[in-house]
């Protein structure tokens, strides 16, 4: 399979949206708990706003998008350079186990290096053991536990 990882373009919307919907469904954000449509619209717009730190890559083969990743740069109290947070990663089920997710992660690594970021980090749900098998090959587990408070 010939695979290209590239920045998303505005022409990708019709193929990006089902991937985004699939990602959100995987994490239980569908049906009554679905993201509001304005969040999806704003997320998409942010990828093309030069003032936003949010970016998107897609994996493409033969004109078909097989996966996506979204990442952002932010400041930190422990470094001068920006940190890179890989926020979302999703591949079509039929593309899993074929190197698509790994290629997307490495695409983020390349962009982070170009931006002068000393690290890329992300989180996944503790039940996502399939993804963790890949993550254990391409990064080290930090040992941190995530806490949150929703309002």
N, C-alpha and C. Protein backbone atom coordinates (compact mmCIF):
# COMPACT_ATOMS: atom_id res chain seq x y z
N UNK A 1 0.85 -1.18 0.00
CA UNK A 1 0.00 0.00 0.00
C UNK A 1 0.89 1.24 0.00
N UNK A 2 0.63 2.13 -0.93
CA UNK A 2 1.34 3.41 -0.99
C UNK A 2 0.61 4.39 -0.08
N UNK A 3 1.34 4.94 0.87
CA UNK A 3 0.72 5.79 1.89
C UNK A 3 1.42 7.14 1.92
N UNK A 4 0.64 8.20 1.95
CA UNK A 4 1.16 9.55 2.08
C UNK A 4 0.55 10.19 3.32
N UNK A 5 1.41 10.78 4.15
CA UNK A 5 0.93 11.57 5.29
C UNK A 5 1.17 13.02 4.93
N UNK A 6 0.12 13.81 5.02
CA UNK A 6 0.20 15.22 4.62
C UNK A 6 -0.74 16.07 5.45
N UNK A 7 -0.54 17.37 5.35
CA UNK A 7 -1.46 18.30 6.01
C UNK A 7 -2.82 18.22 5.35
N UNK A 8 -3.83 18.38 6.16
CA UNK A 8 -5.20 18.36 5.64
C UNK A 8 -5.40 19.60 4.76
N UNK A 9 -6.25 19.48 3.76
CA UNK A 9 -6.63 20.62 2.92
C UNK A 9 -8.14 20.81 3.02
N UNK A 10 -8.61 21.97 2.61
CA UNK A 10 -10.05 22.23 2.66
C UNK A 10 -10.84 21.25 1.80
N UNK A 11 -10.21 20.74 0.74
CA UNK A 11 -10.88 19.78 -0.14
C UNK A 11 -11.08 18.42 0.53
N UNK A 12 -10.43 18.18 1.66
CA UNK A 12 -10.53 16.89 2.35
C UNK A 12 -11.75 16.76 3.25
N UNK A 13 -12.53 17.81 3.39
CA UNK A 13 -13.60 17.80 4.39
C UNK A 13 -14.52 16.60 4.27
N UNK A 14 -14.97 16.26 3.06
CA UNK A 14 -15.94 15.18 2.90
C UNK A 14 -15.38 13.82 3.31
N UNK A 15 -14.07 13.64 3.25
CA UNK A 15 -13.46 12.39 3.70
C UNK A 15 -12.99 12.49 5.15
N UNK A 16 -12.63 13.71 5.58
CA UNK A 16 -12.21 13.91 6.97
C UNK A 16 -13.37 13.70 7.94
N UNK A 17 -14.56 14.21 7.58
CA UNK A 17 -15.70 14.18 8.50
C UNK A 17 -16.07 12.76 8.95
N UNK A 18 -16.16 11.76 8.07
CA UNK A 18 -16.46 10.42 8.57
C UNK A 18 -15.37 9.87 9.50
N UNK A 19 -14.12 10.23 9.26
CA UNK A 19 -13.04 9.81 10.17
C UNK A 19 -13.23 10.48 11.53
N UNK A 20 -13.52 11.76 11.53
CA UNK A 20 -13.75 12.51 12.76
C UNK A 20 -14.95 11.93 13.51
N UNK A 21 -16.02 11.63 12.78
CA UNK A 21 -17.19 11.03 13.41
C UNK A 21 -16.86 9.65 13.98
N UNK A 22 -16.04 8.88 13.26
CA UNK A 22 -15.63 7.57 13.75
C UNK A 22 -14.80 7.67 15.01
N UNK A 23 -13.90 8.65 15.05
CA UNK A 23 -13.08 8.88 16.24
C UNK A 23 -13.97 9.21 17.44
N UNK A 24 -14.89 10.12 17.23
CA UNK A 24 -15.78 10.52 18.32
C UNK A 24 -16.68 9.37 18.77
N UNK A 25 -17.16 8.57 17.83
CA UNK A 25 -17.98 7.41 18.20
C UNK A 25 -17.16 6.41 19.01
N UNK A 26 -15.90 6.22 18.63
CA UNK A 26 -15.02 5.29 19.36
C UNK A 26 -14.93 5.68 20.83
N UNK A 27 -14.90 6.98 21.09
CA UNK A 27 -14.81 7.46 22.47
C UNK A 27 -16.17 7.80 23.08
N UNK A 28 -17.24 7.27 22.49
CA UNK A 28 -18.56 7.41 23.08
C UNK A 28 -19.23 8.75 22.86
N UNK A 29 -18.71 9.52 21.91
CA UNK A 29 -19.33 10.82 21.62
C UNK A 29 -20.16 10.70 20.34
N UNK A 30 -21.27 9.99 20.46
CA UNK A 30 -22.19 9.86 19.33
C UNK A 30 -23.60 9.77 19.89
N UNK A 31 -24.58 9.83 19.00
CA UNK A 31 -25.97 9.79 19.47
C UNK A 31 -26.26 10.95 20.40
N UNK A 32 -26.86 10.69 21.56
CA UNK A 32 -27.22 11.78 22.47
C UNK A 32 -25.99 12.47 23.09
N UNK A 33 -24.84 11.82 23.06
CA UNK A 33 -23.63 12.43 23.63
C UNK A 33 -22.70 12.96 22.55
N UNK A 34 -23.21 13.12 21.34
CA UNK A 34 -22.39 13.59 20.22
C UNK A 34 -21.93 15.03 20.46
N UNK A 35 -20.80 15.35 19.86
CA UNK A 35 -20.34 16.74 19.89
C UNK A 35 -21.35 17.60 19.15
N UNK A 36 -21.53 18.81 19.62
CA UNK A 36 -22.40 19.76 18.93
C UNK A 36 -21.80 20.07 17.55
N UNK A 37 -22.62 20.21 16.53
CA UNK A 37 -22.10 20.49 15.18
C UNK A 37 -21.20 21.72 15.12
N UNK A 38 -21.47 22.71 15.97
CA UNK A 38 -20.62 23.92 15.94
C UNK A 38 -19.20 23.62 16.42
N UNK A 39 -19.02 22.60 17.25
CA UNK A 39 -17.67 22.22 17.68
C UNK A 39 -16.91 21.62 16.50
N UNK A 40 -17.56 20.76 15.74
CA UNK A 40 -16.93 20.19 14.55
C UNK A 40 -16.60 21.28 13.55
N UNK A 41 -17.53 22.19 13.31
CA UNK A 41 -17.27 23.29 12.37
C UNK A 41 -16.09 24.14 12.82
N UNK A 42 -16.04 24.48 14.10
CA UNK A 42 -14.95 25.31 14.62
C UNK A 42 -13.63 24.56 14.56
N UNK A 43 -13.64 23.29 14.90
CA UNK A 43 -12.42 22.49 14.82
C UNK A 43 -11.87 22.52 13.40
N UNK A 44 -12.73 22.27 12.43
CA UNK A 44 -12.31 22.28 11.03
C UNK A 44 -11.74 23.65 10.64
N UNK A 45 -12.40 24.72 11.02
CA UNK A 45 -11.93 26.07 10.68
C UNK A 45 -10.57 26.37 11.31
N UNK A 46 -10.33 25.88 12.50
CA UNK A 46 -9.07 26.15 13.19
C UNK A 46 -7.87 25.59 12.45
N UNK A 47 -8.04 24.49 11.73
CA UNK A 47 -6.92 23.91 10.99
C UNK A 47 -6.37 24.88 9.95
N UNK A 48 -7.18 25.81 9.51
CA UNK A 48 -6.80 26.72 8.42
C UNK A 48 -6.60 28.16 8.88
N UNK A 49 -6.59 28.37 10.17
CA UNK A 49 -6.39 29.69 10.76
C UNK A 49 -4.94 29.79 11.24
N UNK A 50 -4.17 30.64 10.62
CA UNK A 50 -2.73 30.75 10.95
C UNK A 50 -2.49 31.17 12.39
N UNK A 51 -3.48 31.74 13.06
CA UNK A 51 -3.32 32.17 14.44
C UNK A 51 -3.63 31.06 15.45
N UNK A 52 -4.15 29.97 14.96
CA UNK A 52 -4.50 28.84 15.84
C UNK A 52 -3.32 27.87 15.94
N UNK A 53 -3.09 27.30 17.12
CA UNK A 53 -2.00 26.32 17.26
C UNK A 53 -2.42 24.89 16.92
N UNK A 54 -3.63 24.70 16.38
CA UNK A 54 -4.18 23.39 16.09
C UNK A 54 -3.91 23.01 14.64
N UNK A 55 -3.44 21.78 14.42
CA UNK A 55 -3.07 21.31 13.09
C UNK A 55 -3.64 19.92 12.85
N UNK A 56 -3.73 19.55 11.57
CA UNK A 56 -4.25 18.23 11.22
C UNK A 56 -3.41 17.61 10.11
N UNK A 57 -3.17 16.32 10.26
CA UNK A 57 -2.55 15.51 9.21
C UNK A 57 -3.53 14.42 8.84
N UNK A 58 -3.45 13.98 7.59
CA UNK A 58 -4.23 12.84 7.14
C UNK A 58 -3.30 11.85 6.47
N UNK A 59 -3.70 10.59 6.51
CA UNK A 59 -3.00 9.53 5.78
C UNK A 59 -3.87 9.18 4.59
N UNK A 60 -3.23 9.16 3.41
CA UNK A 60 -3.98 8.96 2.18
C UNK A 60 -3.33 7.84 1.36
N UNK A 61 -4.17 7.03 0.75
CA UNK A 61 -3.71 6.00 -0.18
C UNK A 61 -4.68 5.97 -1.36
N UNK A 62 -4.15 6.11 -2.55
CA UNK A 62 -4.96 6.07 -3.77
C UNK A 62 -6.15 7.04 -3.71
N UNK A 63 -5.91 8.23 -3.18
CA UNK A 63 -6.95 9.26 -3.13
C UNK A 63 -7.95 9.09 -2.01
N UNK A 64 -7.78 8.09 -1.18
CA UNK A 64 -8.72 7.83 -0.08
C UNK A 64 -8.05 8.11 1.25
N UNK A 65 -8.73 8.87 2.12
CA UNK A 65 -8.19 9.13 3.45
C UNK A 65 -8.45 7.91 4.34
N UNK A 66 -7.36 7.44 4.97
CA UNK A 66 -7.44 6.25 5.82
C UNK A 66 -7.34 6.58 7.30
N UNK A 67 -6.86 7.78 7.62
CA UNK A 67 -6.69 8.14 9.01
C UNK A 67 -6.44 9.62 9.17
N UNK A 68 -6.54 10.06 10.42
CA UNK A 68 -6.30 11.46 10.75
C UNK A 68 -5.55 11.56 12.07
N UNK A 69 -4.88 12.66 12.25
CA UNK A 69 -4.36 13.03 13.56
C UNK A 69 -4.43 14.54 13.68
N UNK A 70 -4.75 14.99 14.87
CA UNK A 70 -4.80 16.42 15.19
C UNK A 70 -3.79 16.66 16.31
N UNK A 71 -3.06 17.75 16.20
CA UNK A 71 -2.06 18.06 17.22
C UNK A 71 -1.98 19.56 17.39
N UNK A 72 -1.45 19.95 18.54
CA UNK A 72 -1.33 21.37 18.81
C UNK A 72 -0.04 21.65 19.57
N UNK A 73 0.41 22.87 19.46
CA UNK A 73 1.59 23.32 20.18
C UNK A 73 1.15 24.25 21.30
N UNK A 74 1.82 24.13 22.44
CA UNK A 74 1.49 25.01 23.56
C UNK A 74 2.73 25.30 24.39
N UNK A 75 2.66 26.34 25.15
CA UNK A 75 3.75 26.72 26.05
C UNK A 75 3.75 25.82 27.28
N UNK A 76 4.88 25.84 27.97
CA UNK A 76 5.03 25.02 29.16
C UNK A 76 5.84 25.79 30.19
N UNK A 77 5.68 25.46 31.43
CA UNK A 77 6.49 26.08 32.49
C UNK A 77 7.84 25.40 32.64
N UNK A 78 8.06 24.30 31.92
CA UNK A 78 9.30 23.54 32.09
C UNK A 78 10.21 23.58 30.86
N UNK A 79 9.85 24.37 29.85
CA UNK A 79 10.69 24.47 28.65
C UNK A 79 10.42 25.80 27.96
N UNK A 80 11.40 26.25 27.23
CA UNK A 80 11.22 27.46 26.43
C UNK A 80 10.52 27.12 25.12
N UNK A 81 10.89 25.99 24.55
CA UNK A 81 10.30 25.57 23.28
C UNK A 81 8.87 25.08 23.51
N UNK A 82 8.06 25.11 22.46
CA UNK A 82 6.68 24.65 22.61
C UNK A 82 6.60 23.13 22.76
N UNK A 83 5.65 22.67 23.54
CA UNK A 83 5.35 21.24 23.63
C UNK A 83 4.33 20.91 22.54
N UNK A 84 4.36 19.68 22.08
CA UNK A 84 3.42 19.23 21.06
C UNK A 84 2.53 18.16 21.66
N UNK A 85 1.24 18.42 21.65
CA UNK A 85 0.26 17.48 22.17
C UNK A 85 -0.48 16.85 20.99
N UNK A 86 -0.35 15.55 20.84
CA UNK A 86 -1.08 14.81 19.83
C UNK A 86 -2.46 14.52 20.43
N UNK A 87 -3.46 15.25 19.98
CA UNK A 87 -4.76 15.19 20.64
C UNK A 87 -5.65 14.07 20.13
N UNK A 88 -5.71 13.87 18.83
CA UNK A 88 -6.62 12.89 18.25
C UNK A 88 -5.86 12.03 17.25
N UNK A 89 -6.17 10.75 17.21
CA UNK A 89 -5.58 9.83 16.25
C UNK A 89 -6.62 8.77 15.94
N UNK A 90 -6.91 8.58 14.64
CA UNK A 90 -7.93 7.61 14.26
C UNK A 90 -7.63 7.09 12.87
N UNK A 91 -7.84 5.79 12.68
CA UNK A 91 -7.75 5.19 11.35
C UNK A 91 -9.01 4.37 11.08
N UNK A 92 -9.32 4.23 9.82
CA UNK A 92 -10.42 3.35 9.45
C UNK A 92 -10.12 1.95 9.94
N UNK A 93 -11.13 1.24 10.33
CA UNK A 93 -10.93 -0.12 10.84
C UNK A 93 -10.20 -0.99 9.82
N UNK A 94 -10.54 -0.85 8.55
CA UNK A 94 -9.92 -1.67 7.50
C UNK A 94 -8.44 -1.35 7.32
N UNK A 95 -8.00 -0.19 7.79
CA UNK A 95 -6.60 0.23 7.64
C UNK A 95 -5.75 -0.09 8.86
N UNK A 96 -6.37 -0.61 9.90
CA UNK A 96 -5.62 -0.88 11.14
C UNK A 96 -4.67 -2.05 10.96
N UNK A 97 -3.52 -1.94 11.61
CA UNK A 97 -2.50 -2.97 11.52
C UNK A 97 -1.66 -2.89 10.26
N UNK A 98 -1.82 -1.81 9.49
CA UNK A 98 -1.10 -1.65 8.23
C UNK A 98 -0.12 -0.48 8.25
N UNK A 99 0.16 0.05 9.44
CA UNK A 99 1.16 1.11 9.56
C UNK A 99 0.62 2.52 9.43
N UNK A 100 -0.67 2.67 9.28
CA UNK A 100 -1.25 4.01 9.09
C UNK A 100 -1.10 4.86 10.34
N UNK A 101 -1.49 4.33 11.49
CA UNK A 101 -1.38 5.11 12.73
C UNK A 101 0.08 5.44 13.04
N UNK A 102 0.97 4.49 12.84
CA UNK A 102 2.39 4.74 13.07
C UNK A 102 2.90 5.85 12.15
N UNK A 103 2.49 5.82 10.90
CA UNK A 103 2.90 6.86 9.95
C UNK A 103 2.37 8.23 10.37
N UNK A 104 1.15 8.27 10.87
CA UNK A 104 0.59 9.55 11.33
C UNK A 104 1.35 10.06 12.56
N UNK A 105 1.67 9.19 13.49
CA UNK A 105 2.43 9.60 14.67
C UNK A 105 3.79 10.13 14.24
N UNK A 106 4.46 9.43 13.34
CA UNK A 106 5.77 9.90 12.87
C UNK A 106 5.65 11.21 12.09
N UNK A 107 4.52 11.41 11.43
CA UNK A 107 4.28 12.69 10.78
C UNK A 107 4.21 13.83 11.79
N UNK A 108 3.58 13.58 12.93
CA UNK A 108 3.54 14.58 13.99
C UNK A 108 4.95 14.80 14.55
N UNK A 109 5.70 13.71 14.73
CA UNK A 109 7.09 13.85 15.20
C UNK A 109 7.88 14.79 14.28
N UNK A 110 7.74 14.61 12.98
CA UNK A 110 8.46 15.45 12.02
C UNK A 110 8.06 16.92 12.16
N UNK A 111 6.76 17.17 12.25
CA UNK A 111 6.29 18.56 12.38
C UNK A 111 6.75 19.17 13.70
N UNK A 112 6.77 18.38 14.76
CA UNK A 112 7.22 18.88 16.06
C UNK A 112 8.70 19.26 16.01
N UNK A 113 9.51 18.42 15.38
CA UNK A 113 10.94 18.74 15.25
C UNK A 113 11.14 20.02 14.46
N UNK A 114 10.38 20.17 13.37
CA UNK A 114 10.48 21.39 12.56
C UNK A 114 10.09 22.63 13.36
N UNK A 115 9.16 22.48 14.30
CA UNK A 115 8.71 23.60 15.12
C UNK A 115 9.63 23.84 16.32
N UNK A 116 10.65 23.00 16.48
CA UNK A 116 11.57 23.16 17.60
C UNK A 116 11.04 22.60 18.90
N UNK A 117 10.04 21.75 18.82
CA UNK A 117 9.47 21.17 20.03
C UNK A 117 10.32 20.00 20.50
N UNK A 118 10.64 19.95 21.80
CA UNK A 118 11.48 18.86 22.30
C UNK A 118 10.72 17.58 22.61
N UNK A 119 9.37 17.62 22.55
CA UNK A 119 8.62 16.41 22.86
C UNK A 119 7.23 16.43 22.24
N UNK A 120 6.75 15.22 21.99
CA UNK A 120 5.37 14.99 21.59
C UNK A 120 4.80 14.06 22.65
N UNK A 121 3.60 14.36 23.09
CA UNK A 121 2.96 13.48 24.07
C UNK A 121 1.48 13.36 23.75
N UNK A 122 0.87 12.31 24.29
CA UNK A 122 -0.56 12.09 24.11
C UNK A 122 -1.07 11.19 25.22
N UNK A 123 -2.36 11.00 25.22
CA UNK A 123 -2.99 10.10 26.18
C UNK A 123 -3.97 9.21 25.43
N UNK A 124 -4.28 8.09 26.02
CA UNK A 124 -5.29 7.21 25.47
C UNK A 124 -6.07 6.60 26.63
N UNK A 125 -7.22 6.08 26.32
CA UNK A 125 -8.02 5.47 27.37
C UNK A 125 -7.37 4.17 27.81
N UNK A 126 -7.46 3.87 29.09
CA UNK A 126 -6.82 2.67 29.64
C UNK A 126 -7.34 1.39 29.01
N UNK A 127 -8.53 1.42 28.41
CA UNK A 127 -9.08 0.22 27.78
C UNK A 127 -8.64 0.06 26.32
N UNK A 128 -7.97 1.04 25.79
CA UNK A 128 -7.56 1.00 24.38
C UNK A 128 -6.23 0.23 24.25
N UNK A 129 -6.28 -1.04 24.57
CA UNK A 129 -5.06 -1.85 24.61
C UNK A 129 -4.48 -2.09 23.22
N UNK A 130 -5.31 -2.13 22.20
CA UNK A 130 -4.79 -2.31 20.84
C UNK A 130 -3.88 -1.15 20.47
N UNK A 131 -4.34 0.06 20.71
CA UNK A 131 -3.51 1.23 20.42
C UNK A 131 -2.26 1.26 21.29
N UNK A 132 -2.40 0.85 22.54
CA UNK A 132 -1.25 0.87 23.44
C UNK A 132 -0.12 -0.03 22.96
N UNK A 133 -0.44 -1.11 22.27
CA UNK A 133 0.62 -1.98 21.72
C UNK A 133 1.47 -1.19 20.72
N UNK A 134 0.84 -0.37 19.90
CA UNK A 134 1.59 0.49 18.97
C UNK A 134 2.34 1.56 19.75
N UNK A 135 1.66 2.24 20.65
CA UNK A 135 2.26 3.35 21.38
C UNK A 135 3.51 2.90 22.14
N UNK A 136 3.48 1.70 22.68
CA UNK A 136 4.64 1.18 23.40
C UNK A 136 5.84 0.98 22.48
N UNK A 137 5.60 0.88 21.17
CA UNK A 137 6.70 0.72 20.21
C UNK A 137 7.27 2.06 19.75
N UNK A 138 6.46 3.12 19.76
CA UNK A 138 6.90 4.38 19.17
C UNK A 138 7.17 5.48 20.19
N UNK A 139 6.91 5.20 21.48
CA UNK A 139 7.11 6.21 22.53
C UNK A 139 7.27 5.48 23.86
N UNK A 140 7.54 6.26 24.89
CA UNK A 140 7.62 5.66 26.22
C UNK A 140 6.44 6.13 27.05
N UNK A 141 5.94 5.25 27.86
CA UNK A 141 4.82 5.57 28.74
C UNK A 141 5.35 6.46 29.87
N UNK A 142 4.69 7.58 30.10
CA UNK A 142 5.20 8.57 31.06
C UNK A 142 4.91 8.20 32.51
N UNK A 143 3.89 7.42 32.74
CA UNK A 143 3.53 7.08 34.11
C UNK A 143 2.58 8.07 34.75
N UNK A 144 2.27 9.16 34.07
CA UNK A 144 1.36 10.14 34.64
C UNK A 144 -0.08 9.68 34.49
N UNK A 145 -0.90 10.03 35.45
CA UNK A 145 -2.33 9.76 35.43
C UNK A 145 -3.05 11.07 35.20
N UNK A 146 -4.05 11.07 34.34
CA UNK A 146 -4.77 12.29 33.99
C UNK A 146 -5.98 12.46 34.89
N UNK A 147 -6.14 13.64 35.45
CA UNK A 147 -7.33 14.01 36.22
C UNK A 147 -8.03 15.13 35.47
N UNK A 148 -9.32 15.21 35.63
CA UNK A 148 -10.06 16.30 35.00
C UNK A 148 -11.31 16.60 35.79
N UNK A 149 -11.81 17.80 35.60
CA UNK A 149 -13.07 18.25 36.20
C UNK A 149 -13.85 18.92 35.08
N UNK A 150 -15.01 18.42 34.79
CA UNK A 150 -15.84 18.99 33.76
C UNK A 150 -16.86 19.95 34.36
N UNK A 151 -17.13 21.01 33.67
CA UNK A 151 -18.12 22.01 34.11
C UNK A 151 -19.22 22.11 33.09
